[in-house]
Amino acid sequence: MGLWRRKWTKEEILVLISKKLPKGVKPITVKDLKELGIPYNVIRELWGGLNDLNKFLGREVSKFHRRLTDIELLKFLLEISKDIKRTPKQKDIIEYSKKTRLKYSPLSTIKRRFGSVEKAHWLAIGCNRCIKKVKELQNIVPSNEEELKALFWKIADEFGFELVETRKFPDAIFILHGKRYKMCKVEFEYKSEDFIKHRHDPQQIDMLICWEHNWKECPVEVFELKKIIEYIREMAKTTQY
């Protein structure tokens, strides 16, 4: 069985590190993992990343493996799209990483955090367009579904939502510009888990728009406004508008 297919456990890895690597606070590196025969993907799955493993072991954190924030990743995608003048694809991220002499390409991190490069770029564009509204959005915290909808309409245009019609269920049909002009059936819920309480059928919608996403097993795309507003505020801090 190949190394990439083997089922590793935390206990096995910790024993191997203890036996094969020097004691102390020096950070474990990708080179160390290769010498031990441990795939980096396994470390990412079990601990979240090499930094997290080093912290767990009480070792120093390597400056070359600093965890990139969501905002840094979104801004990185905006830089690429500005450079190539189109929506970036996976190969563009790899090539741009080499061009800008990044030590590692953040492609896998983008896919893991956002689901896909396309979705991440769509979020980056929408948040960037909303920066001019940051003061208007500053202190808005909806407390129910109706207030959630009112907040959504403040940023709907910037994210490319074009209303086609409203319904009882799902709540609305949109053309979603920026995502290949996709027809999108949307349901609004204050918390994503409310969808289950209302006994709706997830196969009847394409996207769930909520304030707080607390349904981990949600089978459809979620547009979590609480996180989106945080992104907009953070991007505005380092952007002139």
C-alpha atoms as a PDB file:
ATOM      1  CA  MET A   1       0.000   0.000   0.000  1.00  0.00           C
ATOM      2  CA  GLY A   2       1.385   3.446  -0.993  1.00  0.00           C
ATOM      3  CA  LEU A   3       2.199   6.073   1.636  1.00  0.00           C
ATOM      4  CA  TRP A   4      -0.597   8.327   0.386  1.00  0.00           C
ATOM      5  CA  ARG A   5      -3.193   5.565   0.853  1.00  0.00           C
ATOM      6  CA  ARG A   6      -2.093   4.358   4.273  1.00  0.00           C
ATOM      7  CA  LYS A   7      -4.386   5.201   7.191  1.00  0.00           C
ATOM      8  CA  TRP A   8      -2.235   7.090   9.691  1.00  0.00           C
ATOM      9  CA  THR A   9      -3.143   7.799  13.312  1.00  0.00           C
ATOM     10  CA  LYS A  10      -1.929  10.619  15.529  1.00  0.00           C
ATOM     11  CA  GLU A  11      -0.363   8.109  17.905  1.00  0.00           C
ATOM     12  CA  GLU A  12       1.729   6.507  15.136  1.00  0.00           C
ATOM     13  CA  ILE A  13       2.997   9.858  13.927  1.00  0.00           C
ATOM     14  CA  LEU A  14       3.874  11.099  17.410  1.00  0.00           C
ATOM     15  CA  VAL A  15       5.793   7.906  18.180  1.00  0.00           C
ATOM     16  CA  LEU A  16       7.684   8.172  14.880  1.00  0.00           C
ATOM     17  CA  ILE A  17       8.593  11.810  15.549  1.00  0.00           C
ATOM     18  CA  SER A  18       9.709  10.981  19.058  1.00  0.00           C
ATOM     19  CA  LYS A  19      11.983   8.179  17.843  1.00  0.00           C
ATOM     20  CA  LYS A  20      13.413   9.736  14.672  1.00  0.00           C
ATOM     21  CA  LEU A  21      13.630  13.501  15.190  1.00  0.00           C
ATOM     22  CA  PRO A  22      15.834  15.439  17.648  1.00  0.00           C
ATOM     23  CA  LYS A  23      14.202  16.665  20.852  1.00  0.00           C
ATOM     24  CA  GLY A  24      13.822  20.379  21.443  1.00  0.00           C
ATOM     25  CA  VAL A  25      11.817  23.326  20.137  1.00  0.00           C
ATOM     26  CA  LYS A  26      13.115  23.409  16.557  1.00  0.00           C
ATOM     27  CA  PRO A  27      10.076  23.292  14.220  1.00  0.00           C
ATOM     28  CA  ILE A  28       9.313  20.179  12.213  1.00  0.00           C
ATOM     29  CA  THR A  29       9.539  20.916   8.489  1.00  0.00           C
ATOM     30  CA  VAL A  30       8.136  19.438   5.287  1.00  0.00           C
ATOM     31  CA  LYS A  31      11.593  17.982   4.671  1.00  0.00           C
ATOM     32  CA  ASP A  32      11.392  16.185   8.025  1.00  0.00           C
ATOM     33  CA  LEU A  33       8.011  14.727   7.082  1.00  0.00           C
ATOM     34  CA  LYS A  34       9.361  13.443   3.777  1.00  0.00           C
ATOM     35  CA  GLU A  35      12.284  11.757   5.535  1.00  0.00           C
ATOM     36  CA  LEU A  36       9.816  10.090   7.912  1.00  0.00           C
ATOM     37  CA  GLY A  37       7.580   9.040   5.021  1.00  0.00           C
ATOM     38  CA  ILE A  38       4.602  11.004   6.332  1.00  0.00           C
ATOM     39  CA  PRO A  39       2.521  12.798   3.650  1.00  0.00           C
ATOM     40  CA  TYR A  40       1.824  16.452   4.439  1.00  0.00           C
ATOM     41  CA  ASN A  41      -1.883  15.906   3.653  1.00  0.00           C
ATOM     42  CA  VAL A  42      -2.067  13.533   6.622  1.00  0.00           C
ATOM     43  CA  ILE A  43      -0.734  16.240   8.966  1.00  0.00           C
ATOM     44  CA  ARG A  44      -3.265  18.673   7.562  1.00  0.00           C
ATOM     45  CA  GLU A  45      -6.137  16.219   8.068  1.00  0.00           C
ATOM     46  CA  LEU A  46      -5.156  15.249  11.628  1.00  0.00           C
ATOM     47  CA  TRP A  47      -3.912  18.575  13.018  1.00  0.00           C
ATOM     48  CA  GLY A  48      -4.906  21.245  10.479  1.00  0.00           C
ATOM     49  CA  GLY A  49      -1.358  21.968   9.313  1.00  0.00           C
ATOM     50  CA  LEU A  50       2.319  21.838  10.203  1.00  0.00           C
ATOM     51  CA  ASN A  51       2.081  24.908  12.440  1.00  0.00           C
ATOM     52  CA  ASP A  52      -0.663  23.238  14.451  1.00  0.00           C
ATOM     53  CA  LEU A  53       1.429  20.089  14.873  1.00  0.00           C
ATOM     54  CA  ASN A  54       4.431  22.134  16.027  1.00  0.00           C
ATOM     55  CA  LYS A  55       2.264  24.040  18.525  1.00  0.00           C
ATOM     56  CA  PHE A  56       0.822  20.757  19.799  1.00  0.00           C
ATOM     57  CA  LEU A  57       4.342  19.453  20.409  1.00  0.00           C
ATOM     58  CA  GLY A  58       5.485  22.682  22.067  1.00  0.00           C
ATOM     59  CA  ARG A  59       7.866  23.463  19.228  1.00  0.00           C
ATOM     60  CA  GLU A  60       8.477  26.770  17.514  1.00  0.00           C
ATOM     61  CA  VAL A  61       6.312  27.746  14.550  1.00  0.00           C
ATOM     62  CA  SER A  62       8.174  27.971  11.256  1.00  0.00           C
ATOM     63  CA  LYS A  63       7.910  31.395   9.628  1.00  0.00           C
ATOM     64  CA  PHE A  64       7.607  29.597   6.295  1.00  0.00           C
ATOM     65  CA  HIS A  65       4.418  27.864   7.376  1.00  0.00           C
ATOM     66  CA  ARG A  66       2.420  30.763   8.802  1.00  0.00           C
ATOM     67  CA  ARG A  67      -1.275  30.110   8.429  1.00  0.00           C
ATOM     68  CA  LEU A  68      -2.697  32.456   5.800  1.00  0.00           C
ATOM     69  CA  THR A  69      -5.901  34.214   6.806  1.00  0.00           C
ATOM     70  CA  ASP A  70      -9.056  34.065   4.697  1.00  0.00           C
ATOM     71  CA  ILE A  71      -8.599  37.755   3.883  1.00  0.00           C
ATOM     72  CA  GLU A  72      -5.039  37.179   2.655  1.00  0.00           C
ATOM     73  CA  LEU A  73      -6.281  34.394   0.387  1.00  0.00           C
ATOM     74  CA  LEU A  74      -9.121  36.511  -1.014  1.00  0.00           C
ATOM     75  CA  LYS A  75      -6.773  39.424  -1.672  1.00  0.00           C
ATOM     76  CA  PHE A  76      -4.320  37.032  -3.310  1.00  0.00           C
ATOM     77  CA  LEU A  77      -7.061  35.989  -5.762  1.00  0.00           C
ATOM     78  CA  LEU A  78      -7.879  39.634  -6.485  1.00  0.00           C
ATOM     79  CA  GLU A  79      -4.199  40.250  -7.287  1.00  0.00           C
ATOM     80  CA  ILE A  80      -4.176  37.333  -9.723  1.00  0.00           C
ATOM     81  CA  SER A  81      -7.383  38.354 -11.491  1.00  0.00           C
ATOM     82  CA  LYS A  82      -6.065  41.907 -11.821  1.00  0.00           C
ATOM     83  CA  ASP A  83      -2.839  40.555 -13.293  1.00  0.00           C
ATOM     84  CA  ILE A  84      -4.400  38.121 -15.797  1.00  0.00           C
ATOM     85  CA  LYS A  85      -7.629  40.165 -16.344  1.00  0.00           C
ATOM     86  CA  ARG A  86      -9.999  37.226 -15.892  1.00  0.00           C
ATOM     87  CA  THR A  87     -11.273  34.776 -13.292  1.00  0.00           C
ATOM     88  CA  PRO A  88      -8.287  32.716 -12.121  1.00  0.00           C
ATOM     89  CA  LYS A  89      -8.154  28.962 -12.525  1.00  0.00           C
ATOM     90  CA  GLN A  90      -6.138  26.461 -10.521  1.00  0.00           C
ATOM     91  CA  LYS A  91      -3.145  26.592 -12.855  1.00  0.00           C
ATOM     92  CA  ASP A  92      -3.127  30.419 -12.606  1.00  0.00           C
ATOM     93  CA  ILE A  93      -2.704  30.216  -8.834  1.00  0.00           C
ATOM     94  CA  ILE A  94       0.241  27.840  -9.187  1.00  0.00           C
ATOM     95  CA  GLU A  95       1.885  29.965 -11.885  1.00  0.00           C
ATOM     96  CA  TYR A  96       1.316  33.243 -10.021  1.00  0.00           C
ATOM     97  CA  SER A  97       2.758  31.715  -6.845  1.00  0.00           C
ATOM     98  CA  LYS A  98       5.934  30.918  -8.757  1.00  0.00           C
ATOM     99  CA  LYS A  99       5.946  34.339 -10.414  1.00  0.00           C
ATOM    100  CA  THR A 100       5.743  36.122  -7.063  1.00  0.00           C
ATOM    101  CA  ARG A 101       8.220  33.659  -5.525  1.00  0.00           C
ATOM    102  CA  LEU A 102       5.919  32.309  -2.862  1.00  0.00           C
ATOM    103  CA  LYS A 103       7.464  29.336  -1.099  1.00  0.00           C
ATOM    104  CA  TYR A 104       4.242  27.339  -1.418  1.00  0.00           C
ATOM    105  CA  SER A 105       1.140  27.695  -3.581  1.00  0.00           C
ATOM    106  CA  PRO A 106      -2.005  28.360  -1.490  1.00  0.00           C
ATOM    107  CA  LEU A 107      -4.196  26.450  -3.981  1.00  0.00           C
ATOM    108  CA  SER A 108      -5.049  23.546  -1.673  1.00  0.00           C
ATOM    109  CA  THR A 109      -5.757  25.958   1.205  1.00  0.00           C
ATOM    110  CA  ILE A 110      -8.133  28.002  -0.966  1.00  0.00           C
ATOM    111  CA  LYS A 111     -10.033  24.882  -2.039  1.00  0.00           C
ATOM    112  CA  ARG A 112     -10.217  23.575   1.531  1.00  0.00           C
ATOM    113  CA  ARG A 113     -11.408  26.879   3.042  1.00  0.00           C
ATOM    114  CA  PHE A 114     -13.828  28.007   0.331  1.00  0.00           C
ATOM    115  CA  GLY A 115     -14.779  24.859  -1.580  1.00  0.00           C
ATOM    116  CA  SER A 116     -13.389  25.929  -4.943  1.00  0.00           C
ATOM    117  CA  VAL A 117     -11.286  28.605  -6.619  1.00  0.00           C
ATOM    118  CA  GLU A 118     -14.369  29.902  -8.443  1.00  0.00           C
ATOM    119  CA  LYS A 119     -16.360  30.365  -5.231  1.00  0.00           C
ATOM    120  CA  ALA A 120     -13.420  32.014  -3.454  1.00  0.00           C
ATOM    121  CA  HIS A 121     -12.918  34.470  -6.321  1.00  0.00           C
ATOM    122  CA  TRP A 122     -16.649  35.266  -6.392  1.00  0.00           C
ATOM    123  CA  LEU A 123     -16.519  36.032  -2.656  1.00  0.00           C
ATOM    124  CA  ALA A 124     -13.372  38.130  -3.120  1.00  0.00           C
ATOM    125  CA  ILE A 125     -14.977  40.232  -5.857  1.00  0.00           C
ATOM    126  CA  GLY A 126     -18.197  40.723  -3.891  1.00  0.00           C
ATOM    127  CA  CYS A 127     -16.447  41.695  -0.659  1.00  0.00           C
ATOM    128  CA  ASN A 128     -14.156  44.083  -2.504  1.00  0.00           C
ATOM    129  CA  ARG A 129     -17.145  45.803  -4.108  1.00  0.00           C
ATOM    130  CA  CYS A 130     -18.812  46.149  -0.695  1.00  0.00           C
ATOM    131  CA  ILE A 131     -15.891  47.985   0.908  1.00  0.00           C
ATOM    132  CA  LYS A 132     -17.472  51.319  -0.013  1.00  0.00           C
ATOM    133  CA  LYS A 133     -20.458  50.325   2.136  1.00  0.00           C
ATOM    134  CA  VAL A 134     -18.460  49.297   5.186  1.00  0.00           C
ATOM    135  CA  LYS A 135     -19.638  52.223   7.331  1.00  0.00           C
ATOM    136  CA  GLU A 136     -23.251  51.439   6.479  1.00  0.00           C
ATOM    137  CA  LEU A 137     -22.712  47.785   7.472  1.00  0.00           C
ATOM    138  CA  GLN A 138     -20.627  48.526  10.566  1.00  0.00           C
ATOM    139  CA  ASN A 139     -23.124  48.023  13.374  1.00  0.00           C
ATOM    140  CA  ILE A 140     -25.813  45.884  11.756  1.00  0.00           C
ATOM    141  CA  VAL A 141     -26.505  42.613  13.574  1.00  0.00           C
ATOM    142  CA  PRO A 142     -29.809  41.032  12.517  1.00  0.00           C
ATOM    143  CA  SER A 143     -31.846  39.251  15.189  1.00  0.00           C
ATOM    144  CA  ASN A 144     -34.342  37.430  12.966  1.00  0.00           C
ATOM    145  CA  GLU A 145     -34.931  36.268   9.409  1.00  0.00           C
ATOM    146  CA  GLU A 146     -36.594  39.487   8.223  1.00  0.00           C
ATOM    147  CA  GLU A 147     -33.671  41.601   9.428  1.00  0.00           C
ATOM    148  CA  LEU A 148     -31.347  39.102   7.757  1.00  0.00           C
ATOM    149  CA  LYS A 149     -33.102  39.655   4.438  1.00  0.00           C
ATOM    150  CA  ALA A 150     -32.886  43.441   4.850  1.00  0.00           C
ATOM    151  CA  LEU A 151     -29.124  43.129   5.372  1.00  0.00           C
ATOM    152  CA  PHE A 152     -28.754  40.803   2.394  1.00  0.00           C
ATOM    153  CA  TRP A 153     -30.404  43.312   0.052  1.00  0.00           C
ATOM    154  CA  LYS A 154     -27.791  45.905   1.023  1.00  0.00           C
ATOM    155  CA  ILE A 155     -25.046  43.789  -0.586  1.00  0.00           C
ATOM    156  CA  ALA A 156     -26.996  41.659  -3.084  1.00  0.00           C
ATOM    157  CA  ASP A 157     -25.993  43.674  -6.164  1.00  0.00           C
ATOM    158  CA  GLU A 158     -22.300  43.619  -5.270  1.00  0.00           C
ATOM    159  CA  PHE A 159     -22.355  39.811  -5.196  1.00  0.00           C
ATOM    160  CA  GLY A 160     -24.274  39.554  -8.453  1.00  0.00           C
ATOM    161  CA  PHE A 161     -27.689  38.464  -7.168  1.00  0.00           C
ATOM    162  CA  GLU A 162     -30.404  39.435  -9.667  1.00  0.00           C
ATOM    163  CA  LEU A 163     -33.911  38.655  -8.423  1.00  0.00           C
ATOM    164  CA  VAL A 164     -36.140  36.694 -10.798  1.00  0.00           C
ATOM    165  CA  GLU A 165     -39.074  35.960  -8.498  1.00  0.00           C
ATOM    166  CA  THR A 166     -40.067  35.347  -4.866  1.00  0.00           C
ATOM    167  CA  ARG A 167     -41.911  32.254  -3.697  1.00  0.00           C
ATOM    168  CA  LYS A 168     -43.205  30.554  -0.555  1.00  0.00           C
ATOM    169  CA  PHE A 169     -40.509  27.882  -0.905  1.00  0.00           C
ATOM    170  CA  PRO A 170     -37.825  28.342  -1.819  1.00  0.00           C
ATOM    171  CA  ASP A 171     -37.924  32.002  -0.827  1.00  0.00           C
ATOM    172  CA  ALA A 172     -36.446  33.381  -4.048  1.00  0.00           C
ATOM    173  CA  ILE A 173     -35.017  32.575  -7.463  1.00  0.00           C
ATOM    174  CA  PHE A 174     -31.974  34.552  -8.575  1.00  0.00           C
ATOM    175  CA  ILE A 175     -29.690  34.778 -11.541  1.00  0.00           C
ATOM    176  CA  LEU A 176     -26.288  34.699  -9.899  1.00  0.00           C
ATOM    177  CA  HIS A 177     -23.864  36.766 -11.970  1.00  0.00           C
ATOM    178  CA  GLY A 178     -20.194  36.047 -11.440  1.00  0.00           C
ATOM    179  CA  LYS A 179     -20.854  32.330 -11.129  1.00  0.00           C
ATOM    180  CA  ARG A 180     -21.518  31.577 -14.791  1.00  0.00           C
ATOM    181  CA  TYR A 181     -24.943  33.254 -14.676  1.00  0.00           C
ATOM    182  CA  LYS A 182     -26.334  30.380 -12.659  1.00  0.00           C
ATOM    183  CA  MET A 183     -30.052  30.210 -11.883  1.00  0.00           C
ATOM    184  CA  CYS A 184     -30.070  29.893  -8.118  1.00  0.00           C
ATOM    185  CA  LYS A 185     -32.918  28.763  -5.854  1.00  0.00           C
ATOM    186  CA  VAL A 186     -32.411  30.355  -2.435  1.00  0.00           C
ATOM    187  CA  GLU A 187     -33.872  29.833   1.014  1.00  0.00           C
ATOM    188  CA  PHE A 188     -33.311  32.347   3.836  1.00  0.00           C
ATOM    189  CA  GLU A 189     -32.876  31.186   7.424  1.00  0.00           C
ATOM    190  CA  TYR A 190     -31.586  33.134  10.435  1.00  0.00           C
ATOM    191  CA  LYS A 191     -29.478  30.121  11.412  1.00  0.00           C
ATOM    192  CA  SER A 192     -28.733  27.445   8.837  1.00  0.00           C
ATOM    193  CA  GLU A 193     -29.957  24.687  11.174  1.00  0.00           C
ATOM    194  CA  ASP A 194     -33.423  26.286  11.133  1.00  0.00           C
ATOM    195  CA  PHE A 195     -33.772  24.744   7.689  1.00  0.00           C
ATOM    196  CA  ILE A 196     -34.024  21.311   9.342  1.00  0.00           C
ATOM    197  CA  LYS A 197     -36.502  22.542  11.954  1.00  0.00           C
ATOM    198  CA  HIS A 198     -38.758  23.821   9.170  1.00  0.00           C
ATOM    199  CA  ARG A 199     -38.555  20.391   7.495  1.00  0.00           C
ATOM    200  CA  HIS A 200     -37.558  21.765   4.103  1.00  0.00           C
ATOM    201  CA  ASP A 201     -36.108  19.576   1.377  1.00  0.00           C
ATOM    202  CA  PRO A 202     -32.471  20.549   0.616  1.00  0.00           C
ATOM    203  CA  GLN A 203     -32.771  19.028  -2.854  1.00  0.00           C
ATOM    204  CA  GLN A 204     -35.161  21.847  -3.732  1.00  0.00           C
ATOM    205  CA  ILE A 205     -32.609  24.643  -3.240  1.00  0.00           C
ATOM    206  CA  ASP A 206     -29.156  25.611  -4.533  1.00  0.00           C
ATOM    207  CA  MET A 207     -28.090  27.971  -1.760  1.00  0.00           C
ATOM    208  CA  LEU A 208     -28.936  28.682   1.857  1.00  0.00           C
ATOM    209  CA  ILE A 209     -28.487  32.296   2.990  1.00  0.00           C
ATOM    210  CA  CYS A 210     -28.202  32.725   6.740  1.00  0.00           C
ATOM    211  CA  TRP A 211     -26.707  34.942   9.427  1.00  0.00           C
ATOM    212  CA  GLU A 212     -25.035  32.118  11.326  1.00  0.00           C
ATOM    213  CA  HIS A 213     -24.005  28.785   9.822  1.00  0.00           C
ATOM    214  CA  ASN A 214     -24.436  26.072  12.476  1.00  0.00           C
ATOM    215  CA  TRP A 215     -25.447  23.098  10.295  1.00  0.00           C
ATOM    216  CA  LYS A 216     -22.174  21.238   9.692  1.00  0.00           C
ATOM    217  CA  GLU A 217     -23.727  18.553   7.483  1.00  0.00           C
ATOM    218  CA  CYS A 218     -25.514  21.046   5.227  1.00  0.00           C
ATOM    219  CA  PRO A 219     -25.524  19.515   1.713  1.00  0.00           C
ATOM    220  CA  VAL A 220     -25.918  22.803  -0.203  1.00  0.00           C
ATOM    221  CA  GLU A 221     -23.835  25.941  -0.592  1.00  0.00           C
ATOM    222  CA  VAL A 222     -24.153  28.346   2.339  1.00  0.00           C
ATOM    223  CA  PHE A 223     -23.840  32.136   2.121  1.00  0.00           C
ATOM    224  CA  GLU A 224     -23.148  33.080   5.745  1.00  0.00           C
ATOM    225  CA  LEU A 225     -23.694  36.806   6.110  1.00  0.00           C
ATOM    226  CA  LYS A 226     -21.982  37.021   9.500  1.00  0.00           C
ATOM    227  CA  LYS A 227     -18.734  35.790   7.955  1.00  0.00           C
ATOM    228  CA  ILE A 228     -19.213  37.874   4.793  1.00  0.00           C
ATOM    229  CA  ILE A 229     -19.622  41.076   6.807  1.00  0.00           C
ATOM    230  CA  GLU A 230     -16.469  40.196   8.772  1.00  0.00           C
ATOM    231  CA  TYR A 231     -14.583  39.742   5.488  1.00  0.00           C
ATOM    232  CA  ILE A 232     -15.783  43.124   4.223  1.00  0.00           C
ATOM    233  CA  ARG A 233     -14.743  44.879   7.448  1.00  0.00           C
ATOM    234  CA  GLU A 234     -11.309  43.231   7.456  1.00  0.00           C
ATOM    235  CA  MET A 235     -10.680  44.019   3.784  1.00  0.00           C
ATOM    236  CA  ALA A 236     -11.697  47.632   4.368  1.00  0.00           C
ATOM    237  CA  LYS A 237      -9.037  48.051   7.069  1.00  0.00           C
ATOM    238  CA  THR A 238      -6.239  47.720   4.515  1.00  0.00           C
ATOM    239  CA  THR A 239      -7.963  49.240   1.487  1.00  0.00           C
ATOM    240  CA  GLN A 240      -8.467  52.864   0.568  1.00  0.00           C
ATOM    241  CA  TYR A 241     -12.035  53.659  -0.451  1.00  0.00           C
END
